[in-house]
Amino acid sequence: MVVAKKYVLVKAFDGFPNNDNIEFQEETLLPLKDGEVLFEALFLSVDPYMRLFPIAVGSVMIGEQVSKVVESRHSDYAVGSLHVAKFGWRSHTVVHPKDLQGQIQHLPDMEGLSPSLGLGAVGMPGQTAYHALLDYGQLKEGDTVVVTAAAGAVGSVIGQIARIKNCTTIGFAGTEAKVAWLKELGYTHAFNYKTCNLGEVLTAAAPNGANVYIDHVGGDMATEIINNHMAVFGRAVIVGSISAYNATTPQKLPGLFHGILMKQLTIRGFMHPSFSAAENAASNKDVIHWIKEGRLAAREHVTKGFENMREAFYGLFKGENIGKAIIEV
């Protein structure tokens, strides 16, 4: 018998998440039936969206993991094969793949790279960066691109793709260490939003305005950038709004409409499921190629031990991670 470890939401989030919300539990898994597969987590992901989307009390915390098949009674899932699966915060999972169609993907061929990248640059965050910038942002060579939360899993990839496409890049992060890393990645300009004057630095760095703005933060930063620092016909893509995720009172819609009207802006919300498996496979191919060429760095903030998942998750909202937050079991 296999004893699975898991984290369950036992109390709805209200403000910042804590151990009163998420409880560690164990369960004994039953032997496999015909068609079932036993997966073991190797790497797990923690992401801000886990705080955003509703989770039923009593359910396992949502999320992706890189899993290895350790026992199989299904011909399509060989023992030892690796997969990216939406099993949530679980160490072991027994499932019949037909019950989770579209939620278990064979790990892309990493060409010698760490399988953990399937949760980062060669997974959902990298695919988000690629499609948000190139498809929704309609990036053109020579554009000026502004990115908030630029040192995160998505923002760090966005800035590098924009650099590869010969664009001016302006990134904002919350510590001097993160700003230094953005400069290492090749951001044209990088600023600590906690210590700079946002309006002044953007006026100097983007005197003609931003053609593309990728927002992960929302709030006052988004208001300032959209109202005062976009180019005519600029494109803003809203990938996240982390400033509001733990708010205990609803945020009011800021006065953006004047800026949208006067600059004739296009603003789109981005959700990763909008893109197909084939489209994501194409983006993975490009990103792997850039990593292998040394043109794109895929930094990971690794926390060792399944028992430390909660602390790694809480750290996201304190700005502790640089790059993709990963738990290595």
Foldseek 3Di string as FASTA:
>chain_A
DDKKKFKFQADQAAFFDDCVGIDIDIDDDDDDDAQKWKKFFFKWAFDLCLLVDDDDGGGTRWGKTWIATCDDNRPVHDHGFIWIFGPHLMRMDMDRVVVVPPGIGGQPDLVPDDSVCCRACLHLLVLQLVCVCCPQQVDAAAFEEEEEVLQERNNVNNQLVNVVSNYAYEYEAADPVSQVVSVVLPHNYYYHPVPDDLVVVLCVSQVQAGQEYEYAADDPNVQCRQQPGHHQQHEYEYAHHLNCSRDNDDDDDDPRPVSCVVSVYHYYYDDSVVDDPVSSVVSSVVSSVCVVVVSGDQDEDEDEDSVCVVVLNSVVSVRPDGHTYMYGD
